[in-house]
C-alpha atoms as a PDB file:
ATOM      1  CA  MET A   1     139.745 100.847  67.289  1.00  0.00           C
ATOM      2  CA  ASN A   2     143.113 100.128  68.969  1.00  0.00           C
ATOM      3  CA  GLY A   3     146.364 101.191  68.281  1.00  0.00           C
ATOM      4  CA  ASP A   4     148.695 103.976  70.248  1.00  0.00           C
ATOM      5  CA  ALA A   5     146.761 106.577  71.258  1.00  0.00           C
ATOM      6  CA  GLY A   6     150.076 108.825  72.022  1.00  0.00           C
ATOM      7  CA  LEU A   7     148.031 110.692  74.340  1.00  0.00           C
ATOM      8  CA  GLY A   8     150.848 110.750  77.482  1.00  0.00           C
ATOM      9  CA  GLY A   9     150.390 113.741  79.664  1.00  0.00           C
ATOM     10  CA  THR A  10     147.011 114.832  77.808  1.00  0.00           C
ATOM     11  CA  ARG A  11     144.193 116.199  80.645  1.00  0.00           C
ATOM     12  CA  GLY A  12     140.477 115.816  79.881  1.00  0.00           C
ATOM     13  CA  TRP A  13     138.835 113.918  76.848  1.00  0.00           C
ATOM     14  CA  SER A  14     140.518 115.359  73.739  1.00  0.00           C
ATOM     15  CA  GLY A  15     138.537 114.831  70.151  1.00  0.00           C
ATOM     16  CA  ALA A  16     135.457 116.169  71.927  1.00  0.00           C
ATOM     17  CA  GLY A  17     134.204 118.844  69.912  1.00  0.00           C
ATOM     18  CA  GLY A  18     131.889 118.555  67.218  1.00  0.00           C
ATOM     19  CA  ASP A  19     128.423 117.533  68.777  1.00  0.00           C
ATOM     20  CA  THR A  20     126.555 120.167  70.293  1.00  0.00           C
ATOM     21  CA  GLY A  21     123.288 118.326  71.465  1.00  0.00           C
ATOM     22  CA  ALA A  22     121.388 120.117  68.776  1.00  0.00           C
ATOM     23  CA  GLU A  23     119.884 116.966  67.763  1.00  0.00           C
ATOM     24  CA  THR A  24     118.596 114.026  69.401  1.00  0.00           C
ATOM     25  CA  ARG A  25     120.141 110.753  67.822  1.00  0.00           C
ATOM     26  CA  ARG A  26     119.420 107.246  68.195  1.00  0.00           C
ATOM     27  CA  ILE A  27     122.396 104.594  69.167  1.00  0.00           C
ATOM     28  CA  CYS A  28     119.939 101.685  67.327  1.00  0.00           C
ATOM     29  CA  ASP A  29     119.300 103.611  64.456  1.00  0.00           C
ATOM     30  CA  GLY A  30     118.477 100.552  61.992  1.00  0.00           C
ATOM     31  CA  SER A  31     121.843 100.965  60.254  1.00  0.00           C
ATOM     32  CA  ASP A  32     124.327  97.889  60.160  1.00  0.00           C
ATOM     33  CA  GLU A  33     127.405 100.057  61.209  1.00  0.00           C
ATOM     34  CA  ILE A  34     129.138 100.296  64.900  1.00  0.00           C
ATOM     35  CA  ARG A  35     126.815 103.251  66.079  1.00  0.00           C
ATOM     36  CA  LEU A  36     129.033 103.021  70.118  1.00  0.00           C
ATOM     37  CA  ALA A  37     132.238 101.593  70.759  1.00  0.00           C
ATOM     38  CA  TYR A  38     134.269 101.779  74.195  1.00  0.00           C
ATOM     39  CA  GLU A  39     137.468 100.720  75.186  1.00  0.00           C
ATOM     40  CA  ARG A  40     140.775 100.728  76.989  1.00  0.00           C
ATOM     41  CA  SER A  41     143.166 101.240  74.133  1.00  0.00           C
ATOM     42  CA  VAL A  42     146.434  99.300  74.525  1.00  0.00           C
ATOM     43  CA  GLY A  43     149.306  99.466  72.170  1.00  0.00           C
ATOM     44  CA  ALA A  44     150.888  96.802  70.271  1.00  0.00           C
ATOM     45  CA  GLY A  45     154.393  97.563  71.835  1.00  0.00           C
ATOM     46  CA  GLN A  46     152.559  97.553  75.694  1.00  0.00           C
ATOM     47  CA  VAL A  47     151.810  93.702  74.855  1.00  0.00           C
ATOM     48  CA  ARG A  48     153.848  90.781  75.012  1.00  0.00           C
ATOM     49  CA  ALA A  49     154.520  88.571  71.764  1.00  0.00           C
ATOM     50  CA  PHE A  50     151.947  86.602  70.279  1.00  0.00           C
ATOM     51  CA  THR A  51     149.287  87.928  72.033  1.00  0.00           C
ATOM     52  CA  ALA A  52     148.142  91.194  70.012  1.00  0.00           C
ATOM     53  CA  VAL A  53     145.212  89.376  68.972  1.00  0.00           C
ATOM     54  CA  LEU A  54     143.709  89.815  72.214  1.00  0.00           C
ATOM     55  CA  TYR A  55     144.272  93.446  72.833  1.00  0.00           C
ATOM     56  CA  GLU A  56     142.777  94.432  68.949  1.00  0.00           C
ATOM     57  CA  LEU A  57     139.475  95.581  69.926  1.00  0.00           C
ATOM     58  CA  GLY A  58     140.439  97.241  73.148  1.00  0.00           C
ATOM     59  CA  ALA A  59     140.736  95.933  76.576  1.00  0.00           C
ATOM     60  CA  GLY A  60     137.050  95.938  78.359  1.00  0.00           C
ATOM     61  CA  PHE A  61     135.320  96.861  75.250  1.00  0.00           C
ATOM     62  CA  LEU A  62     131.914  97.668  74.776  1.00  0.00           C
ATOM     63  CA  TYR A  63     130.237  97.720  71.100  1.00  0.00           C
ATOM     64  CA  VAL A  64     126.752  98.260  69.699  1.00  0.00           C
ATOM     65  CA  ASP A  65     125.296  98.694  66.208  1.00  0.00           C
ATOM     66  CA  GLY A  66     122.550 100.189  65.159  1.00  0.00           C
ATOM     67  CA  HIS A  67     120.381  97.338  65.413  1.00  0.00           C
ATOM     68  CA  CYS A  68     121.002  97.380  69.009  1.00  0.00           C
ATOM     69  CA  HIS A  69     122.822  94.127  68.680  1.00  0.00           C
ATOM     70  CA  TYR A  70     125.974  94.704  71.008  1.00  0.00           C
ATOM     71  CA  TRP A  71     129.498  93.007  72.114  1.00  0.00           C
ATOM     72  CA  VAL A  72     130.608  93.380  75.746  1.00  0.00           C
ATOM     73  CA  GLN A  73     133.979  91.885  77.132  1.00  0.00           C
ATOM     74  CA  GLN A  74     133.666  91.183  80.831  1.00  0.00           C
ATOM     75  CA  PRO A  75     134.877  94.144  82.774  1.00  0.00           C
ATOM     76  CA  SER A  76     138.485  93.394  85.044  1.00  0.00           C
ATOM     77  CA  ASN A  77     140.985  95.018  86.704  1.00  0.00           C
ATOM     78  CA  ASP A  78     143.472  91.805  87.243  1.00  0.00           C
ATOM     79  CA  GLU A  79     145.938  90.022  85.453  1.00  0.00           C
ATOM     80  CA  TYR A  80     143.575  88.005  83.265  1.00  0.00           C
ATOM     81  CA  LEU A  81     141.727  91.131  82.016  1.00  0.00           C
ATOM     82  CA  ALA A  82     142.920  90.566  78.323  1.00  0.00           C
ATOM     83  CA  TRP A  83     141.503  87.053  79.050  1.00  0.00           C
ATOM     84  CA  ARG A  84     137.925  88.017  80.192  1.00  0.00           C
ATOM     85  CA  PRO A  85     135.048  86.209  78.377  1.00  0.00           C
ATOM     86  CA  TYR A  86     132.964  88.029  75.585  1.00  0.00           C
ATOM     87  CA  ARG A  87     129.261  88.216  75.441  1.00  0.00           C
ATOM     88  CA  GLU A  88     126.711  89.689  73.238  1.00  0.00           C
ATOM     89  CA  GLY A  89     123.265  90.876  73.354  1.00  0.00           C
ATOM     90  CA  VAL A  90     120.514  93.213  72.084  1.00  0.00           C
ATOM     91  CA  LEU A  91     119.669  96.225  73.765  1.00  0.00           C
ATOM     92  CA  THR A  92     116.058  96.848  75.116  1.00  0.00           C
ATOM     93  CA  ALA A  93     114.743 100.433  74.621  1.00  0.00           C
ATOM     94  CA  ALA A  94     115.129 101.275  78.097  1.00  0.00           C
ATOM     95  CA  GLN A  95     119.028  99.777  77.867  1.00  0.00           C
ATOM     96  CA  GLU A  96     119.248 102.035  74.768  1.00  0.00           C
ATOM     97  CA  SER A  97     118.049 105.086  76.423  1.00  0.00           C
ATOM     98  CA  LEU A  98     120.052 104.599  79.700  1.00  0.00           C
ATOM     99  CA  LEU A  99     123.385 103.818  77.711  1.00  0.00           C
ATOM    100  CA  HIS A 100     122.370 107.173  75.469  1.00  0.00           C
ATOM    101  CA  ASP A 101     122.340 109.334  78.149  1.00  0.00           C
ATOM    102  CA  ALA A 102     125.360 107.488  80.192  1.00  0.00           C
ATOM    103  CA  VAL A 103     127.765 108.121  77.650  1.00  0.00           C
ATOM    104  CA  SER A 104     125.854 111.862  76.443  1.00  0.00           C
ATOM    105  CA  TYR A 105     125.708 110.560  73.075  1.00  0.00           C
ATOM    106  CA  ASP A 106     124.397 113.644  71.576  1.00  0.00           C
ATOM    107  CA  ASN A 107     126.538 115.933  73.150  1.00  0.00           C
ATOM    108  CA  VAL A 108     130.561 114.816  74.488  1.00  0.00           C
ATOM    109  CA  SER A 109     130.504 117.859  76.452  1.00  0.00           C
ATOM    110  CA  GLY A 110     128.554 115.901  78.898  1.00  0.00           C
ATOM    111  CA  LEU A 111     131.262 112.966  79.280  1.00  0.00           C
ATOM    112  CA  PRO A 112     132.229 112.266  82.985  1.00  0.00           C
ATOM    113  CA  PRO A 113     135.257 114.026  83.839  1.00  0.00           C
ATOM    114  CA  CYS A 114     138.676 112.574  82.863  1.00  0.00           C
ATOM    115  CA  LEU A 115     141.177 112.464  85.829  1.00  0.00           C
ATOM    116  CA  PRO A 116     144.814 112.745  84.470  1.00  0.00           C
ATOM    117  CA  GLY A 117     146.841 109.769  85.044  1.00  0.00           C
ATOM    118  CA  THR A 118     149.939 109.429  87.381  1.00  0.00           C
ATOM    119  CA  SER A 119     153.354 107.918  86.561  1.00  0.00           C
ATOM    120  CA  ALA A 120     152.228 105.137  89.396  1.00  0.00           C
ATOM    121  CA  SER A 121     148.957 104.492  88.012  1.00  0.00           C
ATOM    122  CA  ASP A 122     148.724 105.582  84.494  1.00  0.00           C
ATOM    123  CA  LYS A 123     146.056 103.614  82.271  1.00  0.00           C
ATOM    124  CA  PRO A 124     146.013 103.146  78.508  1.00  0.00           C
ATOM    125  CA  PRO A 125     143.858 106.114  77.209  1.00  0.00           C
ATOM    126  CA  ALA A 126     139.839 105.413  77.165  1.00  0.00           C
ATOM    127  CA  LEU A 127     138.399 105.807  73.755  1.00  0.00           C
ATOM    128  CA  LEU A 128     134.501 106.466  72.692  1.00  0.00           C
ATOM    129  CA  TRP A 129     133.361 106.580  69.453  1.00  0.00           C
ATOM    130  CA  ASN A 130     129.600 108.048  69.309  1.00  0.00           C
ATOM    131  CA  GLY A 131     128.951 107.352  65.470  1.00  0.00           C
ATOM    132  CA  ARG A 132     130.474 110.204  64.642  1.00  0.00           C
ATOM    133  CA  THR A 133     133.609 111.129  66.729  1.00  0.00           C
ATOM    134  CA  VAL A 134     136.381 109.742  68.892  1.00  0.00           C
ATOM    135  CA  SER A 135     136.754 111.143  72.387  1.00  0.00           C
ATOM    136  CA  SER A 136     140.238 110.285  74.435  1.00  0.00           C
ATOM    137  CA  CYS A 137     140.448 110.200  77.777  1.00  0.00           C
ATOM    138  CA  PRO A 138     144.354 109.355  78.930  1.00  0.00           C
ATOM    139  CA  GLY A 139     143.529 108.757  82.811  1.00  0.00           C
ATOM    140  CA  ASP A 140     140.661 107.744  84.994  1.00  0.00           C
ATOM    141  CA  LEU A 141     137.064 108.321  84.245  1.00  0.00           C
ATOM    142  CA  ASP A 142     135.180 110.018  87.717  1.00  0.00           C
ATOM    143  CA  VAL A 143     132.606 107.372  87.531  1.00  0.00           C
ATOM    144  CA  GLY A 144     132.298 104.112  88.727  1.00  0.00           C
ATOM    145  CA  GLU A 145     134.577 102.882  85.486  1.00  0.00           C
ATOM    146  CA  ALA A 146     134.256  99.289  86.073  1.00  0.00           C
ATOM    147  CA  ASP A 147     131.142  99.100  84.760  1.00  0.00           C
ATOM    148  CA  TRP A 148     131.076 102.515  82.950  1.00  0.00           C
ATOM    149  CA  PRO A 149     129.372 102.204  80.411  1.00  0.00           C
ATOM    150  CA  MET A 150     127.089  99.993  81.531  1.00  0.00           C
ATOM    151  CA  ARG A 151     129.140  97.110  80.442  1.00  0.00           C
ATOM    152  CA  SER A 152     128.947  94.984  83.973  1.00  0.00           C
ATOM    153  CA  ALA A 153     125.255  95.268  83.721  1.00  0.00           C
ATOM    154  CA  LEU A 154     125.030  94.186  79.792  1.00  0.00           C
ATOM    155  CA  PHE A 155     127.659  91.210  80.460  1.00  0.00           C
ATOM    156  CA  ASP A 156     125.712  89.877  82.810  1.00  0.00           C
ATOM    157  CA  VAL A 157     122.404  89.526  80.874  1.00  0.00           C
ATOM    158  CA  GLY A 158     124.284  88.845  77.718  1.00  0.00           C
ATOM    159  CA  ALA A 159     124.673  85.161  75.881  1.00  0.00           C
ATOM    160  CA  ALA A 160     128.149  83.470  75.719  1.00  0.00           C
ATOM    161  CA  MET A 161     129.609  83.843  72.332  1.00  0.00           C
ATOM    162  CA  SER A 162     129.786  80.275  70.151  1.00  0.00           C
ATOM    163  CA  GLY A 163     131.178  81.672  67.029  1.00  0.00           C
ATOM    164  CA  PRO A 164     134.817  81.534  65.388  1.00  0.00           C
ATOM    165  CA  MET A 165     137.794  81.984  67.016  1.00  0.00           C
ATOM    166  CA  ARG A 166     141.202  84.006  66.510  1.00  0.00           C
ATOM    167  CA  VAL A 167     145.009  82.541  67.053  1.00  0.00           C
ATOM    168  CA  GLU A 168     148.123  84.013  67.280  1.00  0.00           C
ATOM    169  CA  VAL A 169     151.026  81.655  67.613  1.00  0.00           C
ATOM    170  CA  GLY A 170     154.577  81.587  67.816  1.00  0.00           C
ATOM    171  CA  GLN A 171     157.528  80.279  69.488  1.00  0.00           C
ATOM    172  CA  ASP A 172     159.084  82.261  72.417  1.00  0.00           C
ATOM    173  CA  ILE A 173     160.756  81.325  76.069  1.00  0.00           C
ATOM    174  CA  VAL A 174     158.667  79.102  78.069  1.00  0.00           C
ATOM    175  CA  PRO A 175     159.398  79.370  82.263  1.00  0.00           C
ATOM    176  CA  ASP A 176     160.384  75.728  83.182  1.00  0.00           C
ATOM    177  CA  LYS A 177     157.258  76.291  85.916  1.00  0.00           C
ATOM    178  CA  ALA A 178     154.668  76.786  83.174  1.00  0.00           C
ATOM    179  CA  THR A 179     152.266  74.313  82.764  1.00  0.00           C
ATOM    180  CA  ILE A 180     152.349  73.213  79.207  1.00  0.00           C
ATOM    181  CA  TYR A 181     148.879  71.929  77.553  1.00  0.00           C
ATOM    182  CA  THR A 182     147.677  69.828  74.619  1.00  0.00           C
ATOM    183  CA  TRP A 183     147.305  72.101  71.340  1.00  0.00           C
ATOM    184  CA  PRO A 184     143.473  71.388  71.256  1.00  0.00           C
ATOM    185  CA  ILE A 185     142.900  71.167  67.499  1.00  0.00           C
ATOM    186  CA  ALA A 186     143.710  68.745  64.823  1.00  0.00           C
ATOM    187  CA  SER A 187     145.766  71.019  63.057  1.00  0.00           C
ATOM    188  CA  PRO A 188     149.519  71.527  63.851  1.00  0.00           C
ATOM    189  CA  SER A 189     149.982  74.534  65.900  1.00  0.00           C
ATOM    190  CA  ALA A 190     152.615  75.244  63.462  1.00  0.00           C
ATOM    191  CA  ASN A 191     150.315  75.548  60.872  1.00  0.00           C
ATOM    192  CA  TYR A 192     149.266  79.074  62.417  1.00  0.00           C
ATOM    193  CA  GLU A 193     153.138  80.101  63.594  1.00  0.00           C
ATOM    194  CA  LEU A 194     153.599  84.198  62.970  1.00  0.00           C
ATOM    195  CA  ASP A 195     157.364  85.078  62.331  1.00  0.00           C
ATOM    196  CA  TYR A 196     157.696  87.760  65.388  1.00  0.00           C
ATOM    197  CA  ALA A 197     161.356  89.004  63.881  1.00  0.00           C
ATOM    198  CA  SER A 198     159.270  92.334  62.615  1.00  0.00           C
ATOM    199  CA  GLY A 199     157.831  93.041  65.989  1.00  0.00           C
ATOM    200  CA  GLN A 200     154.300  92.738  67.176  1.00  0.00           C
ATOM    201  CA  GLN A 201     151.905  93.377  64.774  1.00  0.00           C
ATOM    202  CA  PHE A 202     147.697  93.920  65.165  1.00  0.00           C
ATOM    203  CA  GLY A 203     145.994  92.215  62.405  1.00  0.00           C
ATOM    204  CA  LYS A 204     148.035  89.364  61.945  1.00  0.00           C
ATOM    205  CA  SER A 205     145.857  86.168  63.466  1.00  0.00           C
ATOM    206  CA  SER A 206     144.348  83.308  61.886  1.00  0.00           C
ATOM    207  CA  LEU A 207     140.276  82.975  61.741  1.00  0.00           C
ATOM    208  CA  VAL A 208     139.593  79.312  63.156  1.00  0.00           C
ATOM    209  CA  ALA A 209     136.239  78.669  61.753  1.00  0.00           C
ATOM    210  CA  ASP A 210     135.322  74.853  62.158  1.00  0.00           C
ATOM    211  CA  PRO A 211     132.613  75.290  65.161  1.00  0.00           C
ATOM    212  CA  THR A 212     134.605  72.068  67.009  1.00  0.00           C
ATOM    213  CA  ASP A 213     137.728  74.047  66.562  1.00  0.00           C
ATOM    214  CA  ALA A 214     136.218  76.918  67.973  1.00  0.00           C
ATOM    215  CA  GLU A 215     135.047  75.612  70.904  1.00  0.00           C
ATOM    216  CA  ALA A 216     138.267  74.033  71.783  1.00  0.00           C
ATOM    217  CA  LEU A 217     140.126  76.875  71.936  1.00  0.00           C
ATOM    218  CA  ARG A 218     137.896  79.139  73.699  1.00  0.00           C
ATOM    219  CA  ALA A 219     136.958  76.298  76.444  1.00  0.00           C
ATOM    220  CA  LEU A 220     141.052  75.759  76.787  1.00  0.00           C
ATOM    221  CA  ALA A 221     141.701  79.243  77.129  1.00  0.00           C
ATOM    222  CA  ALA A 222     138.826  79.679  79.774  1.00  0.00           C
ATOM    223  CA  GLN A 223     140.483  76.751  81.687  1.00  0.00           C
ATOM    224  CA  VAL A 224     143.995  78.214  81.482  1.00  0.00           C
ATOM    225  CA  VAL A 225     142.452  81.075  83.660  1.00  0.00           C
ATOM    226  CA  ALA A 226     140.811  78.797  85.652  1.00  0.00           C
ATOM    227  CA  ASP A 227     143.952  76.965  86.624  1.00  0.00           C
ATOM    228  CA  ALA A 228     146.164  80.320  86.748  1.00  0.00           C
ATOM    229  CA  SER A 229     143.654  81.512  89.165  1.00  0.00           C
ATOM    230  CA  GLU A 230     143.902  78.731  91.771  1.00  0.00           C
ATOM    231  CA  LYS A 231     148.083  78.485  91.167  1.00  0.00           C
ATOM    232  CA  PRO A 232     149.352  82.400  91.322  1.00  0.00           C
ATOM    233  CA  GLY A 233     152.620  82.967  89.756  1.00  0.00           C
ATOM    234  CA  LEU A 234     152.029  80.105  87.069  1.00  0.00           C
ATOM    235  CA  PHE A 235     149.861  82.787  84.399  1.00  0.00           C
ATOM    236  CA  PHE A 236     152.124  84.502  81.674  1.00  0.00           C
ATOM    237  CA  ASP A 237     150.069  85.869  79.228  1.00  0.00           C
ATOM    238  CA  PHE A 238     149.903  83.200  76.826  1.00  0.00           C
ATOM    239  CA  ILE A 239     149.332  79.463  76.427  1.00  0.00           C
ATOM    240  CA  PRO A 240     152.080  77.617  76.321  1.00  0.00           C
ATOM    241  CA  VAL A 241     151.204  74.073  74.397  1.00  0.00           C
ATOM    242  CA  GLU A 242     153.218  71.103  73.083  1.00  0.00           C
ATOM    243  CA  PRO A 243     155.295  70.615  71.459  1.00  0.00           C
ATOM    244  CA  ARG A 244     157.226  72.847  74.013  1.00  0.00           C
ATOM    245  CA  GLY A 245     158.295  76.497  72.791  1.00  0.00           C
ATOM    246  CA  TYR A 246     155.224  77.211  71.502  1.00  0.00           C
ATOM    247  CA  VAL A 247     152.847  79.530  72.713  1.00  0.00           C
ATOM    248  CA  PHE A 248     149.507  81.187  71.750  1.00  0.00           C
ATOM    249  CA  ALA A 249     146.382  83.667  72.201  1.00  0.00           C
ATOM    250  CA  THR A 250     142.963  83.191  71.599  1.00  0.00           C
ATOM    251  CA  ARG A 251     139.638  85.232  71.175  1.00  0.00           C
ATOM    252  CA  ASP A 252     136.060  85.347  70.205  1.00  0.00           C
ATOM    253  CA  ASP A 253     135.980  86.956  66.334  1.00  0.00           C
ATOM    254  CA  LEU A 254     133.318  89.680  66.094  1.00  0.00           C
ATOM    255  CA  PRO A 255     131.116  89.608  63.015  1.00  0.00           C
ATOM    256  CA  PHE A 256     131.430  93.504  62.470  1.00  0.00           C
ATOM    257  CA  THR A 257     135.181  93.249  62.182  1.00  0.00           C
ATOM    258  CA  ASP A 258     137.653  93.187  59.189  1.00  0.00           C
ATOM    259  CA  ARG A 259     137.268  88.999  57.975  1.00  0.00           C
ATOM    260  CA  SER A 260     141.095  88.694  57.019  1.00  0.00           C
ATOM    261  CA  THR A 261     142.231  90.819  60.005  1.00  0.00           C
ATOM    262  CA  GLY A 262     139.800  90.769  62.486  1.00  0.00           C
ATOM    263  CA  LEU A 263     140.587  94.482  63.219  1.00  0.00           C
ATOM    264  CA  TRP A 264     137.605  97.470  62.783  1.00  0.00           C
ATOM    265  CA  ALA A 265     137.961 101.101  63.226  1.00  0.00           C
ATOM    266  CA  PRO A 266     135.519 103.979  62.978  1.00  0.00           C
ATOM    267  CA  PRO A 267     134.888 105.334  59.420  1.00  0.00           C
ATOM    268  CA  GLN A 268     136.692 108.434  58.466  1.00  0.00           C
END
C-alpha cells in the first residue's frame, strides 16, 4: 500500500468519507483478504538505491486478514526503522474488538486527530485501509503513535517470521569505513543484481524461498543492525558485501502479497 501519496500541505485525514457507522462490521469476517492495513507510506524517490524493498509494505505497518491473522513490523523512530523485524500472530476476540474500536472501523470520522506536519518534522503520510476506503494523514496523529493502532502490543505477543525473504541487490559507492560482510547464501549476489539506471522502483526484488538461504539473510540483517547499534556512524542504509561494491537490502516476504512483485494494494 505504498508509494508517493502527494499529500504535502494537506491538513486532517483525507479520503475519509463513506463510512457512517450505520452498520457494525468485523475485521475478522472469515475472508482471505486483508481487512485492515496501517502504514507510513514512503515514496520510492525518498529512499536510497537498492533499498526500496524495505519500504514496499510501508514503515511500521500492521496488516490483518479476515481470519484474524496479522503481520506487524516493530514500531521504531530511529534510523533502523526500515530494518526492524516483522512478526505474525492471530488476534484474540478481545484484541479484535480493541483494534476495531481503536481505528474506528465502522466510522472513519472517529479517527484520532491528524496534526499538520511542519517543515522541520514532516513525516511520510499515515495510511489506513479499513476494508472499504483508504484514509490518509500527512502529519502526526494525536495519540500514542508509537503504538497506534496496537502495533507494539501485537508485536510483543507475535511470533518471529520464518518464511521466504526478498532481496534487492546492486552496485553502489561503499564508504571506506563501512563493514563489509560475507554474502550469506551460495548463489552469488550478482545473480540478484538490479540495474539502477532507470531509478528506484518498487516491486523489483527477488524472492528467496529456500529455508536455509532465507534464514541466513534474516540472521545477517539482524546482525548488521546489532553491529551498527554498538558502533554509531557505521550504518549506511544498505548492507555492503563481498565483492566490495555490492550492496543489498532484505526483508521478510508476506504471504498475502503478489508473488511476482512482493507488493500489496487495496482492491479497487
